[in-house]
């Protein structure tokens, strides 16, 4: 899946984080992906709050029930299953 935006760390970064968490990607790998989009302003802001991107992302992922979060946003279990299938079973997607 290709997602294009200017920096990839605001809405796009959060959507990507949710999708990666939904399919069970390790939090450290999700963090590494998020950090590919650098934002010095973000680090300055977080430092003022005595935290960092690393701490914020890992804490969020540790506390997040991604299924519940997305269901509250309006997705059904069938929607979640379809996303997982689409992202995890590429051999099926090649035939579509």
Protein backbone atom coordinates (compact mmCIF):
# COMPACT_ATOMS: atom_id res chain seq x y z
CA UNK A 1 0.00 0.00 0.00
CA UNK A 2 1.38 3.40 -0.93
CA UNK A 3 0.29 6.45 1.01
CA UNK A 4 1.52 9.82 -0.14
CA UNK A 5 1.48 13.05 1.82
CA UNK A 6 3.84 15.90 2.60
CA UNK A 7 5.45 14.59 5.82
CA UNK A 8 3.57 11.44 6.84
CA UNK A 9 3.40 12.06 10.54
CA UNK A 10 0.10 13.70 11.29
CA UNK A 11 -3.15 12.17 10.04
CA UNK A 12 -1.40 9.92 7.55
CA UNK A 13 1.10 8.74 10.15
CA UNK A 14 -1.65 7.98 12.64
CA UNK A 15 -3.71 6.06 10.06
CA UNK A 16 -0.62 4.05 9.13
CA UNK A 17 0.10 3.40 12.82
CA UNK A 18 -3.46 2.12 13.28
CA UNK A 19 -3.27 -0.14 10.23
CA UNK A 20 0.07 -1.60 11.28
CA UNK A 21 -1.22 -2.19 14.82
CA UNK A 22 -4.39 -3.77 13.41
CA UNK A 23 -2.36 -6.42 11.61
CA UNK A 24 -0.11 -7.11 14.59
CA UNK A 25 3.12 -5.39 13.63
CA UNK A 26 5.56 -5.13 16.54
CA UNK A 27 5.38 -1.69 18.26
CA UNK A 28 9.14 -1.11 17.78
CA UNK A 29 8.69 -1.62 14.02
CA UNK A 30 5.69 0.72 13.98
CA UNK A 31 7.81 3.32 15.79
CA UNK A 32 10.66 2.86 13.30
CA UNK A 33 8.23 3.42 10.42
CA UNK A 34 6.78 6.54 12.08
CA UNK A 35 10.26 7.96 12.66
CA UNK A 36 11.00 7.82 8.93
CA UNK A 37 9.01 11.07 8.74
CA UNK A 38 11.13 13.49 10.68
CA UNK A 39 9.61 16.56 12.25
CA UNK A 40 11.93 18.76 14.32
CA UNK A 41 8.97 20.84 15.49
CA UNK A 42 7.32 17.72 16.90
CA UNK A 43 10.42 16.82 18.88
CA UNK A 44 10.71 20.36 20.25
CA UNK A 45 7.07 20.36 21.32
CA UNK A 46 7.33 16.93 22.94
CA UNK A 47 10.57 17.87 24.72
CA UNK A 48 8.73 20.81 26.32
CA UNK A 49 6.24 18.25 27.63
CA UNK A 50 9.10 16.08 28.93
CA UNK A 51 8.44 13.28 26.47
CA UNK A 52 9.55 12.12 23.03
CA UNK A 53 8.10 10.61 19.90
CA UNK A 54 9.44 7.22 20.98
CA UNK A 55 7.77 7.39 24.38
CA UNK A 56 4.51 8.77 23.00
CA UNK A 57 4.15 6.17 20.24
CA UNK A 58 5.12 3.19 22.39
CA UNK A 59 2.87 4.29 25.27
CA UNK A 60 -0.03 4.85 22.89
CA UNK A 61 0.42 1.43 21.31
CA UNK A 62 0.69 -0.27 24.71
CA UNK A 63 -2.60 1.27 25.82
CA UNK A 64 -4.47 1.04 22.52
CA UNK A 65 -7.09 -1.58 21.77
CA UNK A 66 -7.01 -0.91 18.04
CA UNK A 67 -10.05 -3.06 17.24
CA UNK A 68 -12.17 -1.28 19.82
CA UNK A 69 -10.89 2.14 18.73
CA UNK A 70 -11.74 1.50 15.09
CA UNK A 71 -15.12 -0.05 15.92
CA UNK A 72 -15.97 3.09 17.91
CA UNK A 73 -15.07 5.04 14.77
CA UNK A 74 -17.73 3.16 12.83
CA UNK A 75 -15.97 0.10 11.41
CA UNK A 76 -17.58 -3.29 11.84
CA UNK A 77 -15.82 -6.56 12.67
CA UNK A 78 -16.32 -7.48 9.01
CA UNK A 79 -14.55 -4.26 7.97
CA UNK A 80 -11.63 -5.03 10.29
CA UNK A 81 -11.42 -8.58 8.95
CA UNK A 82 -11.44 -7.29 5.37
CA UNK A 83 -8.58 -4.88 6.10
CA UNK A 84 -6.55 -7.64 7.74
CA UNK A 85 -7.16 -9.94 4.79
CA UNK A 86 -6.24 -7.24 2.30
CA UNK A 87 -3.00 -6.38 4.10
CA UNK A 88 -1.93 -9.86 5.22
CA UNK A 89 -2.86 -12.14 2.34
CA UNK A 90 -1.25 -10.66 -0.78
CA UNK A 91 -1.61 -13.86 -2.79
CA UNK A 92 -5.39 -13.43 -2.62
CA UNK A 93 -5.12 -9.79 -3.62
CA UNK A 94 -3.05 -10.60 -6.72
CA UNK A 95 -6.06 -12.47 -8.11
CA UNK A 96 -8.50 -9.57 -7.63
